[in-house]
């Protein structure tokens, strides 16, 4: 019992000291500065980026299909070779 009370008391004192220390103010200020800097930048979330990446892949696939269909309708049966197949970027490409 005594050890648990002592532990709880020390924990609460440490938490109180940290909450009242200048370190807490510095942390708040740094977070506010970073938040302000990020809001001025034109950034997107990872989720938004992944969604747009999937839309782009679908669009490229549809474009390839339509080009092949158009070539067939025009009587040109040779496949369009200058259009690259859509690819999913590797993890190393996502860091940019």
Protein backbone atom coordinates (compact mmCIF):
# COMPACT_ATOMS: atom_id res chain seq x y z
CA UNK A 1 0.00 0.00 0.00
CA UNK A 2 2.71 2.45 1.02
CA UNK A 3 4.73 1.79 -2.18
CA UNK A 4 1.71 2.33 -4.40
CA UNK A 5 0.80 5.61 -2.70
CA UNK A 6 4.39 6.80 -2.91
CA UNK A 7 4.56 5.87 -6.59
CA UNK A 8 1.27 7.66 -7.35
CA UNK A 9 2.41 10.75 -5.46
CA UNK A 10 5.78 10.88 -7.24
CA UNK A 11 4.07 10.36 -10.61
CA UNK A 12 1.61 13.17 -9.97
CA UNK A 13 4.40 15.51 -8.80
CA UNK A 14 6.46 14.77 -11.92
CA UNK A 15 3.44 15.31 -14.17
CA UNK A 16 2.64 18.57 -12.41
CA UNK A 17 6.25 19.75 -12.69
CA UNK A 18 6.39 18.97 -16.41
CA UNK A 19 3.04 20.67 -17.01
CA UNK A 20 4.27 23.85 -15.29
CA UNK A 21 7.76 23.82 -16.78
CA UNK A 22 9.01 25.98 -19.66
CA UNK A 23 9.43 22.78 -21.69
CA UNK A 24 5.65 22.55 -22.03
CA UNK A 25 5.50 26.13 -23.32
CA UNK A 26 8.30 25.44 -25.78
CA UNK A 27 6.47 22.35 -27.03
CA UNK A 28 3.27 24.37 -27.53
CA UNK A 29 5.15 27.13 -29.36
CA UNK A 30 6.95 24.69 -31.65
CA UNK A 31 3.70 22.91 -32.48
CA UNK A 32 2.03 26.25 -33.24
CA UNK A 33 4.91 27.37 -35.47
CA UNK A 34 4.95 24.08 -37.37
CA UNK A 35 1.18 24.13 -37.74
CA UNK A 36 1.33 27.66 -39.11
CA UNK A 37 4.14 26.79 -41.54
CA UNK A 38 2.32 23.67 -42.77
CA UNK A 39 -0.94 25.55 -43.26
CA UNK A 40 0.83 28.08 -45.52
CA UNK A 41 2.28 25.27 -47.64
CA UNK A 42 0.20 23.59 -50.29
CA UNK A 43 0.31 20.12 -48.73
CA UNK A 44 -2.03 17.16 -49.06
CA UNK A 45 -2.53 14.25 -46.75
CA UNK A 46 -1.19 10.81 -47.59
CA UNK A 47 -4.77 9.59 -48.02
CA UNK A 48 -5.58 12.34 -50.54
CA UNK A 49 -2.35 11.60 -52.42
CA UNK A 50 -3.11 7.87 -52.63
CA UNK A 51 -6.65 8.55 -53.86
CA UNK A 52 -5.40 10.88 -56.59
CA UNK A 53 -2.76 8.33 -57.55
CA UNK A 54 -5.44 5.67 -58.04
CA UNK A 55 -7.56 8.10 -60.08
CA UNK A 56 -4.56 8.81 -62.29
CA UNK A 57 -3.87 5.10 -62.83
CA UNK A 58 -7.51 4.51 -63.80
CA UNK A 59 -7.43 7.52 -66.14
CA UNK A 60 -4.28 6.29 -67.85
CA UNK A 61 -5.80 2.83 -68.27
CA UNK A 62 -8.99 4.29 -69.74
CA UNK A 63 -6.95 6.51 -72.10
CA UNK A 64 -4.99 3.49 -73.35
CA UNK A 65 -8.22 1.60 -73.94
CA UNK A 66 -9.78 4.51 -75.81
CA UNK A 67 -6.65 4.99 -77.96
CA UNK A 68 -6.69 1.31 -78.89
CA UNK A 69 -10.39 1.50 -79.70
CA UNK A 70 -9.88 4.61 -81.82
CA UNK A 71 -7.00 2.99 -83.68
CA UNK A 72 -9.20 -0.04 -84.38
CA UNK A 73 -12.06 2.15 -85.61
CA UNK A 74 -9.70 4.03 -87.90
CA UNK A 75 -8.57 0.74 -89.36
CA UNK A 76 -5.11 0.92 -87.88
CA UNK A 77 -4.70 -2.37 -86.04
CA UNK A 78 -1.16 -1.63 -84.88
CA UNK A 79 -1.13 -1.05 -81.11
CA UNK A 80 -0.09 2.35 -79.82
CA UNK A 81 3.45 1.83 -78.54
CA UNK A 82 4.39 5.30 -77.30
CA UNK A 83 1.93 5.19 -74.40
CA UNK A 84 3.44 3.67 -71.26
CA UNK A 85 1.40 1.23 -69.27
CA UNK A 86 0.22 2.62 -65.94
CA UNK A 87 2.40 1.54 -63.07
CA UNK A 88 2.14 1.80 -59.33
CA UNK A 89 5.12 3.69 -57.93
CA UNK A 90 7.44 1.89 -55.56
CA UNK A 91 7.86 2.92 -51.92
CA UNK A 92 11.05 4.80 -52.78
CA UNK A 93 9.12 6.99 -55.27
CA UNK A 94 6.61 7.96 -52.58
CA UNK A 95 9.16 9.86 -50.51
CA UNK A 96 9.22 12.84 -52.85
